[in-house]
Amino acid sequence: MSDDLDWARLPEPGDPAMVEWLENASCSPRVKALAVRAVNAAGKGVSADRWRTAVLAEHPEAGTLLAEAKECMRAAGLWPWPKS
C-alpha cells in the first residue's frame, strides 16, 4: 500500500480505526490513499470542498476516486466531514 500512499503523498495513518479500515476495506488502494488524505486534511481544519479541489488540482483524473473514497468512508463511519 505504500506506493498508493505515495500517490497521495501521505505517511501511514496513526489512527487505529483508520489502520484497521485500511487493512480490511474492499476499496481500491487509491481510494484508501484518498481516505488517508481526507482524514489528514480534516485534522488540519481543511473543508471537504477545499480537500476535493486540492486533490483534483494534483490529480485531475481522480473525480470518480473521490466519490468512491467518500462512499467507502461513510459506510465505515470514517468520513471526517459529517455535514458534507
C-alpha atoms as a PDB file:
ATOM      1  CA  MET A   1       0.000   0.000   0.000  1.00  0.00           C
ATOM      2  CA  SER A   2       2.931   2.386   0.436  1.00  0.00           C
ATOM      3  CA  ASP A   3       3.033   3.113  -3.324  1.00  0.00           C
ATOM      4  CA  ASP A   4      -0.584   4.202  -3.176  1.00  0.00           C
ATOM      5  CA  LEU A   5       0.039   6.344  -0.126  1.00  0.00           C
ATOM      6  CA  ASP A   6       2.941   7.864  -2.057  1.00  0.00           C
ATOM      7  CA  TRP A   7       0.388   8.682  -4.750  1.00  0.00           C
ATOM      8  CA  ALA A   8      -1.445  10.690  -2.107  1.00  0.00           C
ATOM      9  CA  ARG A   9       1.883  11.838  -0.626  1.00  0.00           C
ATOM     10  CA  LEU A  10       0.995  10.952   2.941  1.00  0.00           C
ATOM     11  CA  PRO A  11       2.529   8.896   5.725  1.00  0.00           C
ATOM     12  CA  GLU A  12       0.867   5.800   7.112  1.00  0.00           C
ATOM     13  CA  PRO A  13      -2.146   6.739   9.265  1.00  0.00           C
ATOM     14  CA  GLY A  14      -1.759   6.729  13.037  1.00  0.00           C
ATOM     15  CA  ASP A  15      -5.429   6.324  13.994  1.00  0.00           C
ATOM     16  CA  PRO A  16      -6.060   2.665  14.946  1.00  0.00           C
ATOM     17  CA  ALA A  17      -9.594   2.702  13.476  1.00  0.00           C
ATOM     18  CA  MET A  18      -8.237   4.035  10.199  1.00  0.00           C
ATOM     19  CA  VAL A  19      -5.411   1.488  10.149  1.00  0.00           C
ATOM     20  CA  GLU A  20      -7.897  -1.345  10.687  1.00  0.00           C
ATOM     21  CA  TRP A  21     -10.201   0.020   7.996  1.00  0.00           C
ATOM     22  CA  LEU A  22      -7.297   0.316   5.542  1.00  0.00           C
ATOM     23  CA  GLU A  23      -6.349  -3.295   6.170  1.00  0.00           C
ATOM     24  CA  ASN A  24      -9.873  -4.686   5.815  1.00  0.00           C
ATOM     25  CA  ALA A  25     -11.787  -2.399   3.433  1.00  0.00           C
ATOM     26  CA  SER A  26     -12.575  -3.694  -0.014  1.00  0.00           C
ATOM     27  CA  CYS A  27     -11.956  -0.280  -1.549  1.00  0.00           C
ATOM     28  CA  SER A  28      -9.158   0.120  -4.077  1.00  0.00           C
ATOM     29  CA  PRO A  29      -5.710   1.133  -2.808  1.00  0.00           C
ATOM     30  CA  ARG A  30      -6.010   4.601  -4.374  1.00  0.00           C
ATOM     31  CA  VAL A  31      -9.368   5.124  -2.691  1.00  0.00           C
ATOM     32  CA  LYS A  32      -7.741   4.121   0.587  1.00  0.00           C
ATOM     33  CA  ALA A  33      -4.941   6.613  -0.072  1.00  0.00           C
ATOM     34  CA  LEU A  34      -7.525   9.348  -0.621  1.00  0.00           C
ATOM     35  CA  ALA A  35      -9.192   8.342   2.635  1.00  0.00           C
ATOM     36  CA  VAL A  36      -5.920   8.885   4.481  1.00  0.00           C
ATOM     37  CA  ARG A  37      -5.565  12.224   2.766  1.00  0.00           C
ATOM     38  CA  ALA A  38      -9.126  13.165   3.767  1.00  0.00           C
ATOM     39  CA  VAL A  39      -8.535  12.385   7.432  1.00  0.00           C
ATOM     40  CA  ASN A  40      -5.265  14.304   7.351  1.00  0.00           C
ATOM     41  CA  ALA A  41      -6.903  17.335   5.726  1.00  0.00           C
ATOM     42  CA  ALA A  42      -9.861  17.345   8.123  1.00  0.00           C
ATOM     43  CA  GLY A  43      -7.451  17.147  11.054  1.00  0.00           C
ATOM     44  CA  LYS A  44      -5.829  20.345   9.787  1.00  0.00           C
ATOM     45  CA  GLY A  45      -9.185  22.118   9.531  1.00  0.00           C
ATOM     46  CA  VAL A  46      -9.477  21.844   5.750  1.00  0.00           C
ATOM     47  CA  SER A  47     -13.051  21.681   4.442  1.00  0.00           C
ATOM     48  CA  ALA A  48     -14.282  18.826   2.267  1.00  0.00           C
ATOM     49  CA  ASP A  49     -14.640  21.168  -0.716  1.00  0.00           C
ATOM     50  CA  ARG A  50     -11.130  22.522  -0.309  1.00  0.00           C
ATOM     51  CA  TRP A  51      -9.800  18.966   0.015  1.00  0.00           C
ATOM     52  CA  ARG A  52     -11.545  17.883  -3.197  1.00  0.00           C
ATOM     53  CA  THR A  53     -10.235  20.933  -5.048  1.00  0.00           C
ATOM     54  CA  ALA A  54      -6.676  20.252  -3.890  1.00  0.00           C
ATOM     55  CA  VAL A  55      -6.818  16.592  -4.910  1.00  0.00           C
ATOM     56  CA  LEU A  56      -8.262  17.418  -8.326  1.00  0.00           C
ATOM     57  CA  ALA A  57      -5.607  20.090  -8.876  1.00  0.00           C
ATOM     58  CA  GLU A  58      -2.920  17.428  -8.416  1.00  0.00           C
ATOM     59  CA  HIS A  59      -4.819  14.515  -9.981  1.00  0.00           C
ATOM     60  CA  PRO A  60      -7.496  15.766 -12.436  1.00  0.00           C
ATOM     61  CA  GLU A  61      -8.487  12.162 -13.178  1.00  0.00           C
ATOM     62  CA  ALA A  62      -9.419  11.472  -9.538  1.00  0.00           C
ATOM     63  CA  GLY A  63     -13.058  12.614  -9.598  1.00  0.00           C
ATOM     64  CA  THR A  64     -14.507   9.109  -9.510  1.00  0.00           C
ATOM     65  CA  LEU A  65     -11.992   8.055  -6.864  1.00  0.00           C
ATOM     66  CA  LEU A  66     -13.040  10.977  -4.652  1.00  0.00           C
ATOM     67  CA  ALA A  67     -16.654   9.846  -4.780  1.00  0.00           C
ATOM     68  CA  GLU A  68     -15.614   6.260  -4.040  1.00  0.00           C
ATOM     69  CA  ALA A  69     -13.493   7.384  -1.091  1.00  0.00           C
ATOM     70  CA  LYS A  70     -16.407   9.312   0.385  1.00  0.00           C
ATOM     71  CA  GLU A  71     -18.771   6.361  -0.076  1.00  0.00           C
ATOM     72  CA  CYS A  72     -16.342   3.824   1.418  1.00  0.00           C
ATOM     73  CA  MET A  73     -15.502   6.049   4.366  1.00  0.00           C
ATOM     74  CA  ARG A  74     -19.145   6.927   5.075  1.00  0.00           C
ATOM     75  CA  ALA A  75     -20.029   3.231   5.065  1.00  0.00           C
ATOM     76  CA  ALA A  76     -17.348   2.644   7.705  1.00  0.00           C
ATOM     77  CA  GLY A  77     -18.276   5.742   9.736  1.00  0.00           C
ATOM     78  CA  LEU A  78     -14.893   7.321   8.995  1.00  0.00           C
ATOM     79  CA  TRP A  79     -15.862  10.261   6.748  1.00  0.00           C
ATOM     80  CA  PRO A  80     -14.299  13.206   8.597  1.00  0.00           C
ATOM     81  CA  TRP A  81     -16.794  15.832   7.389  1.00  0.00           C
ATOM     82  CA  PRO A  82     -20.203  14.674   8.667  1.00  0.00           C
ATOM     83  CA  LYS A  83     -22.122  17.618   7.158  1.00  0.00           C
ATOM     84  CA  SER A  84     -20.683  17.365   3.656  1.00  0.00           C
END
